[in-house]
């Protein structure tokens, strides 16, 4: 397996320099900043990435003001308390992307966030202090306990809320395969452990965030 610096050099050769590779890399929030993030923001980002799955970002962005309005600014208590009749009405609401499963997932995630928030003094407190060394466990927890947060949906929501982490895009997976870490997209427990260990190694070598390492891997290869 190449070192972080070696992979950065490969990416720099492809992209015209290390500065270009690292341009606009996501900068995570500090834990205390993330812990203070309101529950509504976490729900909004989950919802945005759930609605975006399989659709153009332009469609979601264009309808986003109406989506926010329909969900009352993603007030967690309000959304979690929606009745079956109110949920059914939302599936016919022209402000929304009319996908009953996705709308129901937003409601389910409001209930999920409310429960975690009550137990931890805010949903952000649970996320902010989850160790980077077990980040894949966080993604699996989101997938298991939340709704429609598998794949890269949960990972992207975490990133946009400021959580440091990796996103297993096609390019990142291709680099992990090239490095012999995995032989296909990781779905088994063993494969996920191997991915986490590889990121931990590159993190120790470089002192960089998981976000930055993920970006370097992605830029180092054509998926």
N, C-alpha and C. Protein backbone atom coordinates (compact mmCIF):
# COMPACT_ATOMS: atom_id res chain seq x y z
N UNK A 1 0.85 -1.19 0.00
CA UNK A 1 0.00 0.00 0.00
C UNK A 1 0.89 1.25 0.00
N UNK A 2 0.61 2.17 -0.91
CA UNK A 2 1.37 3.41 -0.96
C UNK A 2 1.14 4.24 0.30
N UNK A 3 2.12 5.06 0.63
CA UNK A 3 1.95 6.00 1.72
C UNK A 3 1.06 7.16 1.26
N UNK A 4 0.61 7.96 2.21
CA UNK A 4 -0.19 9.14 1.88
C UNK A 4 0.59 10.06 0.94
N UNK A 5 1.86 10.33 1.26
CA UNK A 5 2.65 11.24 0.43
C UNK A 5 2.82 10.71 -0.99
N UNK A 6 2.94 9.40 -1.12
CA UNK A 6 3.07 8.82 -2.45
C UNK A 6 1.78 8.96 -3.25
N UNK A 7 0.66 8.77 -2.58
CA UNK A 7 -0.63 8.93 -3.28
C UNK A 7 -0.88 10.40 -3.62
N UNK A 8 -0.49 11.29 -2.72
CA UNK A 8 -0.61 12.73 -3.00
C UNK A 8 0.23 13.09 -4.22
N UNK A 9 1.42 12.50 -4.33
CA UNK A 9 2.29 12.77 -5.48
C UNK A 9 1.64 12.27 -6.77
N UNK A 10 0.99 11.12 -6.71
CA UNK A 10 0.29 10.60 -7.89
C UNK A 10 -0.83 11.55 -8.30
N UNK A 11 -1.59 12.01 -7.29
CA UNK A 11 -2.69 12.93 -7.56
C UNK A 11 -2.17 14.26 -8.11
N UNK A 12 -1.07 14.74 -7.54
CA UNK A 12 -0.49 16.01 -7.98
C UNK A 12 -0.02 15.92 -9.43
N UNK A 13 0.54 14.79 -9.81
CA UNK A 13 0.98 14.57 -11.19
C UNK A 13 -0.20 14.63 -12.14
N UNK A 14 -1.31 14.08 -11.71
CA UNK A 14 -2.51 14.06 -12.56
C UNK A 14 -3.18 15.43 -12.65
N UNK A 15 -3.16 16.18 -11.53
CA UNK A 15 -3.96 17.40 -11.45
C UNK A 15 -3.17 18.69 -11.60
N UNK A 16 -1.85 18.58 -11.77
CA UNK A 16 -1.06 19.79 -11.95
C UNK A 16 -0.56 20.41 -10.66
N UNK A 17 -0.34 19.59 -9.66
CA UNK A 17 0.23 20.09 -8.42
C UNK A 17 -0.62 19.77 -7.20
N UNK A 18 0.05 19.69 -6.05
CA UNK A 18 -0.66 19.37 -4.82
C UNK A 18 -1.67 20.43 -4.44
N UNK A 19 -1.34 21.69 -4.74
CA UNK A 19 -2.26 22.78 -4.41
C UNK A 19 -3.58 22.60 -5.15
N UNK A 20 -3.51 22.17 -6.39
CA UNK A 20 -4.72 21.95 -7.17
C UNK A 20 -5.51 20.77 -6.62
N UNK A 21 -4.82 19.73 -6.19
CA UNK A 21 -5.49 18.56 -5.60
C UNK A 21 -6.31 18.97 -4.38
N UNK A 22 -5.73 19.85 -3.57
CA UNK A 22 -6.35 20.20 -2.29
C UNK A 22 -7.22 21.45 -2.36
N UNK A 23 -7.38 21.99 -3.55
CA UNK A 23 -8.21 23.18 -3.69
C UNK A 23 -9.66 22.88 -3.29
N UNK A 24 -10.23 23.73 -2.45
CA UNK A 24 -11.64 23.63 -2.03
C UNK A 24 -11.95 22.35 -1.26
N UNK A 25 -10.95 21.74 -0.64
CA UNK A 25 -11.22 20.56 0.18
C UNK A 25 -12.12 20.97 1.35
N UNK A 26 -13.01 20.08 1.74
CA UNK A 26 -13.93 20.38 2.83
C UNK A 26 -13.16 20.49 4.15
N UNK A 27 -13.37 21.58 4.87
CA UNK A 27 -12.73 21.77 6.17
C UNK A 27 -13.74 21.45 7.25
N UNK A 28 -13.51 20.41 8.04
CA UNK A 28 -14.50 20.04 9.06
C UNK A 28 -14.56 21.06 10.20
N UNK A 29 -15.67 21.09 10.88
CA UNK A 29 -15.81 21.92 12.06
C UNK A 29 -15.07 21.29 13.23
N UNK A 30 -14.72 22.11 14.19
CA UNK A 30 -14.18 21.59 15.44
C UNK A 30 -15.31 20.90 16.21
N UNK A 31 -14.98 19.91 17.05
CA UNK A 31 -16.04 19.18 17.76
C UNK A 31 -17.02 20.07 18.51
N UNK A 32 -16.52 21.08 19.20
CA UNK A 32 -17.45 21.92 19.98
C UNK A 32 -18.38 22.72 19.06
N UNK A 33 -17.90 23.06 17.86
CA UNK A 33 -18.76 23.75 16.90
C UNK A 33 -19.84 22.81 16.38
N UNK A 34 -19.44 21.58 16.09
CA UNK A 34 -20.40 20.60 15.60
C UNK A 34 -21.45 20.26 16.66
N UNK A 35 -21.00 20.18 17.91
CA UNK A 35 -21.91 19.84 19.00
C UNK A 35 -23.00 20.88 19.17
N UNK A 36 -22.70 22.12 18.78
CA UNK A 36 -23.68 23.21 18.92
C UNK A 36 -24.62 23.32 17.72
N UNK A 37 -24.41 22.50 16.70
CA UNK A 37 -25.26 22.54 15.52
C UNK A 37 -26.68 22.14 15.88
N UNK A 38 -27.68 22.97 15.60
CA UNK A 38 -29.06 22.65 15.96
C UNK A 38 -29.55 21.36 15.31
N UNK A 39 -30.43 20.67 16.00
CA UNK A 39 -30.99 19.42 15.46
C UNK A 39 -31.64 19.64 14.10
N UNK A 40 -32.25 20.80 13.91
CA UNK A 40 -32.93 21.08 12.63
C UNK A 40 -31.96 21.06 11.46
N UNK A 41 -30.71 21.48 11.70
CA UNK A 41 -29.72 21.50 10.63
C UNK A 41 -29.35 20.08 10.22
N UNK A 42 -29.18 19.19 11.20
CA UNK A 42 -28.89 17.79 10.89
C UNK A 42 -30.02 17.18 10.07
N UNK A 43 -31.27 17.45 10.48
CA UNK A 43 -32.41 16.89 9.76
C UNK A 43 -32.48 17.46 8.34
N UNK A 44 -32.22 18.75 8.21
CA UNK A 44 -32.28 19.38 6.88
C UNK A 44 -31.26 18.76 5.93
N UNK A 45 -30.04 18.54 6.42
CA UNK A 45 -29.01 17.96 5.55
C UNK A 45 -29.32 16.51 5.20
N UNK A 46 -29.83 15.75 6.16
CA UNK A 46 -30.27 14.39 5.85
C UNK A 46 -31.34 14.42 4.77
N UNK A 47 -32.32 15.30 4.94
CA UNK A 47 -33.42 15.40 3.98
C UNK A 47 -32.91 15.79 2.60
N UNK A 48 -32.02 16.77 2.55
CA UNK A 48 -31.52 17.24 1.26
C UNK A 48 -30.83 16.12 0.49
N UNK A 49 -30.03 15.32 1.19
CA UNK A 49 -29.31 14.25 0.50
C UNK A 49 -30.20 13.05 0.20
N UNK A 50 -31.22 12.86 0.99
CA UNK A 50 -32.20 11.81 0.69
C UNK A 50 -32.98 12.19 -0.58
N UNK A 51 -33.44 13.43 -0.66
CA UNK A 51 -34.17 13.87 -1.84
C UNK A 51 -33.29 13.88 -3.08
N UNK A 52 -32.00 14.18 -2.88
CA UNK A 52 -31.10 14.28 -4.03
C UNK A 52 -30.75 12.93 -4.64
N UNK A 53 -30.80 11.88 -3.85
CA UNK A 53 -30.40 10.56 -4.34
C UNK A 53 -31.18 10.20 -5.60
N UNK A 54 -30.45 9.98 -6.69
CA UNK A 54 -31.07 9.62 -7.96
C UNK A 54 -31.64 10.78 -8.73
N UNK A 55 -31.41 12.02 -8.24
CA UNK A 55 -31.96 13.20 -8.91
C UNK A 55 -30.86 14.23 -9.13
N UNK A 56 -31.14 15.21 -9.95
CA UNK A 56 -30.21 16.31 -10.17
C UNK A 56 -30.23 17.26 -8.98
N UNK A 57 -29.03 17.72 -8.60
CA UNK A 57 -28.95 18.72 -7.54
C UNK A 57 -29.76 19.96 -7.89
N UNK A 58 -29.80 20.31 -9.19
CA UNK A 58 -30.50 21.52 -9.58
C UNK A 58 -31.99 21.43 -9.26
N UNK A 59 -32.55 20.24 -9.42
CA UNK A 59 -33.97 20.06 -9.09
C UNK A 59 -34.21 20.27 -7.61
N UNK A 60 -33.35 19.65 -6.79
CA UNK A 60 -33.51 19.76 -5.34
C UNK A 60 -33.29 21.19 -4.89
N UNK A 61 -32.24 21.84 -5.40
CA UNK A 61 -31.96 23.22 -5.01
C UNK A 61 -33.09 24.14 -5.42
N UNK A 62 -33.67 23.90 -6.59
CA UNK A 62 -34.75 24.74 -7.06
C UNK A 62 -36.00 24.64 -6.19
N UNK A 63 -36.25 23.44 -5.66
CA UNK A 63 -37.44 23.23 -4.85
C UNK A 63 -37.16 23.40 -3.34
N UNK A 64 -35.91 23.62 -2.98
CA UNK A 64 -35.54 23.60 -1.57
C UNK A 64 -36.30 24.60 -0.70
N UNK A 65 -36.50 25.85 -1.13
CA UNK A 65 -37.26 26.78 -0.28
C UNK A 65 -38.67 26.24 0.05
N UNK A 66 -39.32 25.63 -0.93
CA UNK A 66 -40.64 25.05 -0.69
C UNK A 66 -40.58 23.83 0.21
N UNK A 67 -39.52 23.04 0.07
CA UNK A 67 -39.35 21.85 0.92
C UNK A 67 -39.17 22.29 2.37
N UNK A 68 -38.32 23.30 2.58
CA UNK A 68 -38.11 23.83 3.94
C UNK A 68 -39.42 24.33 4.53
N UNK A 69 -40.18 25.02 3.72
CA UNK A 69 -41.46 25.56 4.19
C UNK A 69 -42.42 24.43 4.56
N UNK A 70 -42.49 23.42 3.72
CA UNK A 70 -43.41 22.32 3.96
C UNK A 70 -43.09 21.56 5.24
N UNK A 71 -41.80 21.51 5.59
CA UNK A 71 -41.38 20.81 6.81
C UNK A 71 -41.13 21.78 7.98
N UNK A 72 -41.71 23.00 7.86
CA UNK A 72 -41.63 23.98 8.95
C UNK A 72 -40.19 24.22 9.41
N UNK A 73 -39.29 24.43 8.43
CA UNK A 73 -37.90 24.70 8.76
C UNK A 73 -37.18 23.52 9.38
N UNK A 74 -37.73 22.33 9.17
CA UNK A 74 -37.17 21.08 9.70
C UNK A 74 -37.12 21.08 11.22
N UNK A 75 -38.07 21.76 11.83
CA UNK A 75 -38.23 21.66 13.28
C UNK A 75 -38.45 20.19 13.63
N UNK A 76 -37.54 19.64 14.39
CA UNK A 76 -37.54 18.19 14.63
C UNK A 76 -38.80 17.73 15.34
N UNK A 77 -39.22 18.45 16.36
CA UNK A 77 -40.42 18.05 17.10
C UNK A 77 -41.66 18.10 16.21
N UNK A 78 -41.73 19.14 15.38
CA UNK A 78 -42.87 19.25 14.47
C UNK A 78 -42.91 18.08 13.48
N UNK A 79 -41.77 17.84 12.82
CA UNK A 79 -41.74 16.78 11.80
C UNK A 79 -41.97 15.41 12.43
N UNK A 80 -41.36 15.17 13.59
CA UNK A 80 -41.53 13.88 14.26
C UNK A 80 -42.97 13.63 14.67
N UNK A 81 -43.71 14.71 14.89
CA UNK A 81 -45.09 14.58 15.36
C UNK A 81 -46.13 14.56 14.26
N UNK A 82 -45.70 14.55 12.99
CA UNK A 82 -46.68 14.53 11.90
C UNK A 82 -47.51 13.25 11.93
N UNK A 83 -48.80 13.41 11.73
CA UNK A 83 -49.70 12.26 11.71
C UNK A 83 -49.65 11.57 10.36
N UNK A 84 -50.23 10.39 10.28
CA UNK A 84 -50.26 9.66 9.00
C UNK A 84 -51.00 10.46 7.95
N UNK A 85 -52.07 11.15 8.35
CA UNK A 85 -52.83 11.96 7.39
C UNK A 85 -51.99 13.14 6.90
N UNK A 86 -51.23 13.75 7.80
CA UNK A 86 -50.39 14.88 7.41
C UNK A 86 -49.25 14.42 6.49
N UNK A 87 -48.71 13.25 6.76
CA UNK A 87 -47.67 12.70 5.89
C UNK A 87 -48.24 12.42 4.51
N UNK A 88 -49.44 11.85 4.49
CA UNK A 88 -50.10 11.56 3.21
C UNK A 88 -50.33 12.84 2.41
N UNK A 89 -50.70 13.91 3.12
CA UNK A 89 -50.93 15.19 2.45
C UNK A 89 -49.64 15.73 1.84
N UNK A 90 -48.51 15.51 2.53
CA UNK A 90 -47.22 15.98 2.02
C UNK A 90 -46.84 15.28 0.73
N UNK A 91 -47.25 14.04 0.57
CA UNK A 91 -46.92 13.30 -0.67
C UNK A 91 -47.63 13.89 -1.89
N UNK A 92 -48.61 14.75 -1.65
CA UNK A 92 -49.34 15.40 -2.74
C UNK A 92 -49.02 16.89 -2.83
N UNK A 93 -48.12 17.34 -1.97
CA UNK A 93 -47.78 18.76 -1.88
C UNK A 93 -46.84 19.15 -3.02
N UNK A 94 -47.23 20.13 -3.81
CA UNK A 94 -46.45 20.52 -4.99
C UNK A 94 -45.10 21.14 -4.62
N UNK A 95 -44.95 21.54 -3.36
CA UNK A 95 -43.66 22.12 -2.94
C UNK A 95 -42.59 21.05 -2.82
N UNK A 96 -43.00 19.81 -2.68
CA UNK A 96 -42.06 18.72 -2.42
C UNK A 96 -41.75 17.91 -3.67
N UNK A 97 -40.68 17.15 -3.60
CA UNK A 97 -40.42 16.10 -4.58
C UNK A 97 -41.30 14.94 -4.16
N UNK A 98 -42.22 14.57 -5.01
CA UNK A 98 -43.29 13.66 -4.59
C UNK A 98 -42.85 12.20 -4.57
N UNK A 99 -42.12 11.89 -3.53
CA UNK A 99 -41.68 10.51 -3.29
C UNK A 99 -42.10 10.14 -1.88
N UNK A 100 -43.13 9.33 -1.78
CA UNK A 100 -43.64 8.94 -0.46
C UNK A 100 -42.57 8.31 0.42
N UNK A 101 -41.73 7.39 -0.12
CA UNK A 101 -40.69 6.79 0.73
C UNK A 101 -39.69 7.82 1.26
N UNK A 102 -39.32 8.80 0.44
CA UNK A 102 -38.37 9.80 0.89
C UNK A 102 -38.99 10.74 1.92
N UNK A 103 -40.23 11.12 1.70
CA UNK A 103 -40.92 11.98 2.67
C UNK A 103 -41.07 11.25 4.00
N UNK A 104 -41.44 9.99 3.95
CA UNK A 104 -41.56 9.20 5.18
C UNK A 104 -40.20 9.07 5.87
N UNK A 105 -39.12 8.97 5.10
CA UNK A 105 -37.78 8.86 5.67
C UNK A 105 -37.42 10.13 6.45
N UNK A 106 -37.83 11.29 5.95
CA UNK A 106 -37.57 12.54 6.67
C UNK A 106 -38.26 12.52 8.02
N UNK A 107 -39.49 12.05 8.05
CA UNK A 107 -40.23 11.95 9.32
C UNK A 107 -39.55 10.95 10.25
N UNK A 108 -39.16 9.82 9.72
CA UNK A 108 -38.49 8.80 10.55
C UNK A 108 -37.17 9.33 11.10
N UNK A 109 -36.46 10.10 10.29
CA UNK A 109 -35.19 10.64 10.76
C UNK A 109 -35.39 11.74 11.80
N UNK A 110 -36.51 12.45 11.72
CA UNK A 110 -36.82 13.41 12.78
C UNK A 110 -37.01 12.68 14.11
N UNK A 111 -37.69 11.55 14.08
CA UNK A 111 -37.88 10.75 15.29
C UNK A 111 -36.55 10.21 15.80
N UNK A 112 -35.70 9.78 14.89
CA UNK A 112 -34.37 9.29 15.23
C UNK A 112 -33.54 10.38 15.89
N UNK A 113 -33.51 11.56 15.28
CA UNK A 113 -32.74 12.67 15.82
C UNK A 113 -33.28 13.09 17.19
N UNK A 114 -34.59 13.14 17.31
CA UNK A 114 -35.20 13.53 18.59
C UNK A 114 -34.79 12.58 19.71
N UNK A 115 -34.79 11.29 19.42
CA UNK A 115 -34.42 10.30 20.43
C UNK A 115 -32.96 10.45 20.84
N UNK A 116 -32.08 10.53 19.85
CA UNK A 116 -30.64 10.66 20.12
C UNK A 116 -30.36 11.97 20.84
N UNK A 117 -31.03 13.03 20.43
CA UNK A 117 -30.84 14.34 21.04
C UNK A 117 -31.23 14.33 22.51
N UNK A 118 -32.34 13.69 22.82
CA UNK A 118 -32.80 13.63 24.20
C UNK A 118 -31.82 12.86 25.08
N UNK A 119 -31.17 11.86 24.49
CA UNK A 119 -30.24 11.02 25.25
C UNK A 119 -28.86 11.65 25.40
N UNK A 120 -28.53 12.62 24.52
CA UNK A 120 -27.16 13.15 24.47
C UNK A 120 -27.07 14.66 24.61
N UNK A 121 -28.19 15.31 24.92
CA UNK A 121 -28.15 16.76 25.02
C UNK A 121 -27.93 17.44 23.69
N UNK A 122 -28.47 16.86 22.64
CA UNK A 122 -28.32 17.38 21.28
C UNK A 122 -27.74 16.32 20.37
N UNK A 123 -28.29 16.21 19.16
CA UNK A 123 -27.80 15.22 18.21
C UNK A 123 -26.32 15.45 17.89
N UNK A 124 -25.95 16.73 17.83
CA UNK A 124 -24.57 17.06 17.53
C UNK A 124 -23.57 16.51 18.53
N UNK A 125 -23.96 16.40 19.77
CA UNK A 125 -23.07 15.85 20.79
C UNK A 125 -22.72 14.39 20.50
N UNK A 126 -23.65 13.65 19.94
CA UNK A 126 -23.41 12.25 19.59
C UNK A 126 -22.43 12.16 18.43
N UNK A 127 -22.60 13.02 17.44
CA UNK A 127 -21.79 12.96 16.23
C UNK A 127 -20.40 13.56 16.43
N UNK A 128 -20.34 14.68 17.12
CA UNK A 128 -19.10 15.46 17.21
C UNK A 128 -17.95 14.70 17.84
N UNK A 129 -18.26 13.85 18.81
CA UNK A 129 -17.19 13.20 19.58
C UNK A 129 -17.03 11.72 19.23
N UNK A 130 -17.65 11.30 18.13
CA UNK A 130 -17.44 9.93 17.65
C UNK A 130 -16.01 9.85 17.10
N UNK A 131 -15.21 8.89 17.55
CA UNK A 131 -13.80 8.85 17.14
C UNK A 131 -13.62 8.68 15.63
N UNK A 132 -12.68 9.43 15.08
CA UNK A 132 -12.36 9.30 13.66
C UNK A 132 -11.88 7.90 13.33
N UNK A 133 -11.25 7.24 14.32
CA UNK A 133 -10.69 5.90 14.10
C UNK A 133 -11.76 4.84 13.87
N UNK A 134 -13.01 5.16 14.19
CA UNK A 134 -14.11 4.22 13.97
C UNK A 134 -15.22 4.88 13.16
N UNK A 135 -14.83 5.74 12.21
CA UNK A 135 -15.82 6.49 11.44
C UNK A 135 -16.79 5.58 10.69
N UNK A 136 -16.29 4.44 10.18
CA UNK A 136 -17.18 3.55 9.45
C UNK A 136 -18.29 3.02 10.36
N UNK A 137 -18.00 2.87 11.65
CA UNK A 137 -19.04 2.46 12.60
C UNK A 137 -20.14 3.51 12.70
N UNK A 138 -19.75 4.79 12.61
CA UNK A 138 -20.74 5.86 12.61
C UNK A 138 -21.65 5.75 11.40
N UNK A 139 -21.06 5.51 10.23
CA UNK A 139 -21.87 5.38 9.02
C UNK A 139 -22.82 4.19 9.13
N UNK A 140 -22.33 3.09 9.68
CA UNK A 140 -23.19 1.92 9.85
C UNK A 140 -24.30 2.19 10.85
N UNK A 141 -23.99 2.93 11.89
CA UNK A 141 -25.01 3.30 12.89
C UNK A 141 -26.09 4.17 12.27
N UNK A 142 -25.70 5.14 11.46
CA UNK A 142 -26.68 5.99 10.77
C UNK A 142 -27.57 5.16 9.87
N UNK A 143 -26.97 4.23 9.14
CA UNK A 143 -27.74 3.37 8.24
C UNK A 143 -28.73 2.51 9.01
N UNK A 144 -28.29 1.97 10.14
CA UNK A 144 -29.14 1.07 10.92
C UNK A 144 -30.25 1.81 11.66
N UNK A 145 -29.90 2.91 12.30
CA UNK A 145 -30.86 3.60 13.16
C UNK A 145 -31.68 4.66 12.42
N UNK A 146 -31.11 5.22 11.36
CA UNK A 146 -31.83 6.22 10.59
C UNK A 146 -32.59 5.60 9.44
N UNK A 147 -33.08 6.45 8.55
CA UNK A 147 -33.87 5.99 7.41
C UNK A 147 -33.25 6.49 6.11
N UNK A 148 -32.96 5.57 5.19
CA UNK A 148 -32.40 5.90 3.88
C UNK A 148 -31.08 6.68 4.00
N UNK A 149 -30.27 6.31 4.97
CA UNK A 149 -28.99 6.97 5.18
C UNK A 149 -27.82 6.06 4.82
N UNK A 150 -28.09 5.00 4.08
CA UNK A 150 -27.03 4.11 3.63
C UNK A 150 -26.32 4.67 2.41
N UNK A 151 -25.44 3.85 1.82
CA UNK A 151 -24.66 4.32 0.68
C UNK A 151 -23.83 5.52 1.09
N UNK A 152 -23.81 6.55 0.26
CA UNK A 152 -23.09 7.77 0.60
C UNK A 152 -24.01 8.87 1.12
N UNK A 153 -25.30 8.57 1.29
CA UNK A 153 -26.25 9.59 1.73
C UNK A 153 -25.91 10.10 3.13
N UNK A 154 -25.73 9.17 4.06
CA UNK A 154 -25.38 9.57 5.42
C UNK A 154 -24.03 10.26 5.47
N UNK A 155 -23.07 9.75 4.71
CA UNK A 155 -21.72 10.33 4.71
C UNK A 155 -21.73 11.76 4.18
N UNK A 156 -22.51 12.01 3.14
CA UNK A 156 -22.58 13.37 2.59
C UNK A 156 -23.30 14.31 3.54
N UNK A 157 -24.34 13.83 4.20
CA UNK A 157 -25.02 14.67 5.18
C UNK A 157 -24.08 15.05 6.31
N UNK A 158 -23.28 14.08 6.76
CA UNK A 158 -22.31 14.36 7.82
C UNK A 158 -21.29 15.40 7.35
N UNK A 159 -20.81 15.25 6.13
CA UNK A 159 -19.80 16.17 5.61
C UNK A 159 -20.35 17.59 5.55
N UNK A 160 -21.56 17.75 5.05
CA UNK A 160 -22.13 19.08 4.90
C UNK A 160 -22.51 19.70 6.23
N UNK A 161 -22.60 18.88 7.28
CA UNK A 161 -22.82 19.42 8.63
C UNK A 161 -21.50 19.70 9.34
N UNK A 162 -20.39 19.40 8.67
CA UNK A 162 -19.09 19.74 9.23
C UNK A 162 -18.34 18.60 9.88
N UNK A 163 -18.89 17.38 9.82
CA UNK A 163 -18.23 16.25 10.43
C UNK A 163 -17.08 15.77 9.53
N UNK A 164 -15.92 15.53 10.12
CA UNK A 164 -14.80 14.97 9.37
C UNK A 164 -15.09 13.52 9.04
N UNK A 165 -14.84 13.14 7.79
CA UNK A 165 -15.10 11.75 7.40
C UNK A 165 -14.75 11.53 5.95
N UNK A 166 -14.82 10.29 5.53
CA UNK A 166 -14.57 9.96 4.13
C UNK A 166 -15.87 9.64 3.43
N UNK A 167 -15.87 9.87 2.13
CA UNK A 167 -17.00 9.50 1.27
C UNK A 167 -16.47 8.51 0.25
N UNK A 168 -17.09 7.34 0.18
CA UNK A 168 -16.60 6.29 -0.72
C UNK A 168 -17.20 6.44 -2.11
N UNK A 169 -16.74 7.48 -2.79
CA UNK A 169 -17.13 7.70 -4.18
C UNK A 169 -16.50 6.62 -5.04
N UNK A 170 -16.92 6.55 -6.30
CA UNK A 170 -16.34 5.56 -7.22
C UNK A 170 -14.82 5.71 -7.31
N UNK A 171 -14.35 6.97 -7.32
CA UNK A 171 -12.91 7.21 -7.43
C UNK A 171 -12.16 6.76 -6.19
N UNK A 172 -12.72 7.03 -5.01
CA UNK A 172 -12.08 6.60 -3.77
C UNK A 172 -12.03 5.08 -3.70
N UNK A 173 -13.12 4.43 -4.05
CA UNK A 173 -13.15 2.97 -4.04
C UNK A 173 -12.13 2.42 -5.04
N UNK A 174 -12.02 3.05 -6.20
CA UNK A 174 -11.06 2.59 -7.21
C UNK A 174 -9.63 2.67 -6.67
N UNK A 175 -9.31 3.75 -5.95
CA UNK A 175 -7.97 3.86 -5.39
C UNK A 175 -7.75 2.81 -4.30
N UNK A 176 -8.75 2.57 -3.47
CA UNK A 176 -8.64 1.55 -2.42
C UNK A 176 -8.41 0.17 -3.04
N UNK A 177 -9.06 -0.09 -4.16
CA UNK A 177 -8.84 -1.36 -4.87
C UNK A 177 -7.43 -1.40 -5.43
N UNK A 178 -6.99 -0.30 -6.03
CA UNK A 178 -5.64 -0.24 -6.59
C UNK A 178 -4.57 -0.44 -5.52
N UNK A 179 -4.88 -0.01 -4.30
CA UNK A 179 -3.93 -0.17 -3.19
C UNK A 179 -4.00 -1.55 -2.55
N UNK A 180 -4.92 -2.38 -3.02
CA UNK A 180 -5.05 -3.73 -2.47
C UNK A 180 -5.76 -3.78 -1.14
N UNK A 181 -6.42 -2.70 -0.77
CA UNK A 181 -7.15 -2.66 0.51
C UNK A 181 -8.41 -3.51 0.43
N UNK A 182 -9.12 -3.40 -0.69
CA UNK A 182 -10.34 -4.16 -0.95
C UNK A 182 -10.31 -4.61 -2.40
N UNK A 183 -11.24 -5.49 -2.77
CA UNK A 183 -11.31 -5.91 -4.17
C UNK A 183 -12.61 -5.47 -4.85
N UNK A 184 -13.48 -4.82 -4.08
CA UNK A 184 -14.72 -4.26 -4.61
C UNK A 184 -15.29 -3.30 -3.56
N UNK A 185 -16.38 -2.63 -3.90
CA UNK A 185 -16.98 -1.71 -2.94
C UNK A 185 -17.23 -2.43 -1.62
N UNK A 186 -16.83 -1.84 -0.50
CA UNK A 186 -16.90 -2.55 0.78
C UNK A 186 -18.32 -2.67 1.34
N UNK A 187 -18.75 -3.90 1.51
CA UNK A 187 -20.06 -4.15 2.13
C UNK A 187 -19.94 -5.09 3.32
N UNK A 188 -18.93 -5.94 3.32
CA UNK A 188 -18.76 -6.88 4.43
C UNK A 188 -18.08 -6.20 5.60
N UNK A 189 -18.22 -6.80 6.78
CA UNK A 189 -17.58 -6.27 7.98
C UNK A 189 -16.07 -6.24 7.81
N UNK A 190 -15.51 -7.30 7.21
CA UNK A 190 -14.06 -7.38 7.02
C UNK A 190 -13.56 -6.29 6.08
N UNK A 191 -14.30 -6.04 5.01
CA UNK A 191 -13.89 -5.03 4.04
C UNK A 191 -13.97 -3.63 4.65
N UNK A 192 -15.01 -3.37 5.40
CA UNK A 192 -15.14 -2.06 6.06
C UNK A 192 -14.02 -1.85 7.06
N UNK A 193 -13.66 -2.90 7.78
CA UNK A 193 -12.55 -2.81 8.73
C UNK A 193 -11.25 -2.49 8.00
N UNK A 194 -11.03 -3.12 6.85
CA UNK A 194 -9.82 -2.87 6.06
C UNK A 194 -9.77 -1.43 5.59
N UNK A 195 -10.90 -0.90 5.15
CA UNK A 195 -10.96 0.50 4.70
C UNK A 195 -10.64 1.44 5.86
N UNK A 196 -11.28 1.19 7.00
CA UNK A 196 -11.03 2.05 8.16
C UNK A 196 -9.57 2.01 8.56
N UNK A 197 -8.97 0.84 8.57
CA UNK A 197 -7.56 0.71 8.95
C UNK A 197 -6.64 1.43 7.97
N UNK A 198 -6.98 1.39 6.68
CA UNK A 198 -6.17 2.10 5.68
C UNK A 198 -6.24 3.60 5.92
N UNK A 199 -7.45 4.12 6.14
CA UNK A 199 -7.59 5.55 6.41
C UNK A 199 -6.87 5.93 7.71
N UNK A 200 -6.94 5.07 8.71
CA UNK A 200 -6.24 5.36 9.96
C UNK A 200 -4.73 5.44 9.74
N UNK A 201 -4.21 4.53 8.90
CA UNK A 201 -2.78 4.55 8.60
C UNK A 201 -2.39 5.84 7.90
N UNK A 202 -3.14 6.23 6.86
CA UNK A 202 -2.83 7.46 6.12
C UNK A 202 -2.99 8.69 7.02
N UNK A 203 -3.93 8.62 7.95
CA UNK A 203 -4.13 9.73 8.89
C UNK A 203 -2.93 9.87 9.82
N UNK A 204 -2.41 8.74 10.30
CA UNK A 204 -1.23 8.76 11.16
C UNK A 204 0.00 9.26 10.40
N UNK A 205 0.12 8.86 9.15
CA UNK A 205 1.28 9.27 8.34
C UNK A 205 1.28 10.76 8.05
N UNK A 206 0.09 11.31 7.84
CA UNK A 206 -0.01 12.67 7.31
C UNK A 206 -0.46 13.73 8.30
N UNK A 207 -1.21 13.31 9.32
CA UNK A 207 -1.82 14.28 10.22
C UNK A 207 -2.98 15.02 9.58
N UNK A 208 -3.43 14.53 8.42
CA UNK A 208 -4.53 15.17 7.69
C UNK A 208 -5.88 14.63 8.14
N UNK A 209 -6.92 15.37 7.82
CA UNK A 209 -8.27 14.93 8.14
C UNK A 209 -8.70 13.81 7.20
N UNK A 210 -9.73 13.08 7.61
CA UNK A 210 -10.31 12.05 6.75
C UNK A 210 -10.84 12.69 5.47
N UNK A 211 -11.41 13.89 5.59
CA UNK A 211 -11.90 14.61 4.41
C UNK A 211 -10.78 14.81 3.39
N UNK A 212 -9.63 15.28 3.86
CA UNK A 212 -8.51 15.55 2.96
C UNK A 212 -7.99 14.27 2.33
N UNK A 213 -7.85 13.24 3.14
CA UNK A 213 -7.36 11.96 2.61
C UNK A 213 -8.32 11.43 1.55
N UNK A 214 -9.61 11.53 1.82
CA UNK A 214 -10.62 11.09 0.86
C UNK A 214 -10.47 11.85 -0.46
N UNK A 215 -10.23 13.15 -0.38
CA UNK A 215 -10.08 13.98 -1.56
C UNK A 215 -8.83 13.56 -2.35
N UNK A 216 -7.73 13.33 -1.64
CA UNK A 216 -6.49 12.94 -2.31
C UNK A 216 -6.67 11.60 -3.03
N UNK A 217 -7.30 10.65 -2.37
CA UNK A 217 -7.54 9.36 -3.01
C UNK A 217 -8.37 9.53 -4.27
N UNK A 218 -9.42 10.32 -4.19
CA UNK A 218 -10.31 10.54 -5.33
C UNK A 218 -9.59 11.18 -6.50
N UNK A 219 -8.68 12.11 -6.19
CA UNK A 219 -7.98 12.85 -7.25
C UNK A 219 -6.82 12.05 -7.86
N UNK A 220 -6.51 10.92 -7.25
CA UNK A 220 -5.33 10.16 -7.69
C UNK A 220 -5.63 9.14 -8.78
N UNK A 221 -6.89 9.04 -9.18
CA UNK A 221 -7.25 7.95 -10.08
C UNK A 221 -8.46 8.31 -10.91
N UNK A 222 -8.59 7.70 -12.07
CA UNK A 222 -9.80 7.82 -12.89
C UNK A 222 -10.66 6.59 -12.61
N UNK A 223 -11.81 6.79 -11.97
CA UNK A 223 -12.68 5.64 -11.64
C UNK A 223 -13.38 5.16 -12.89
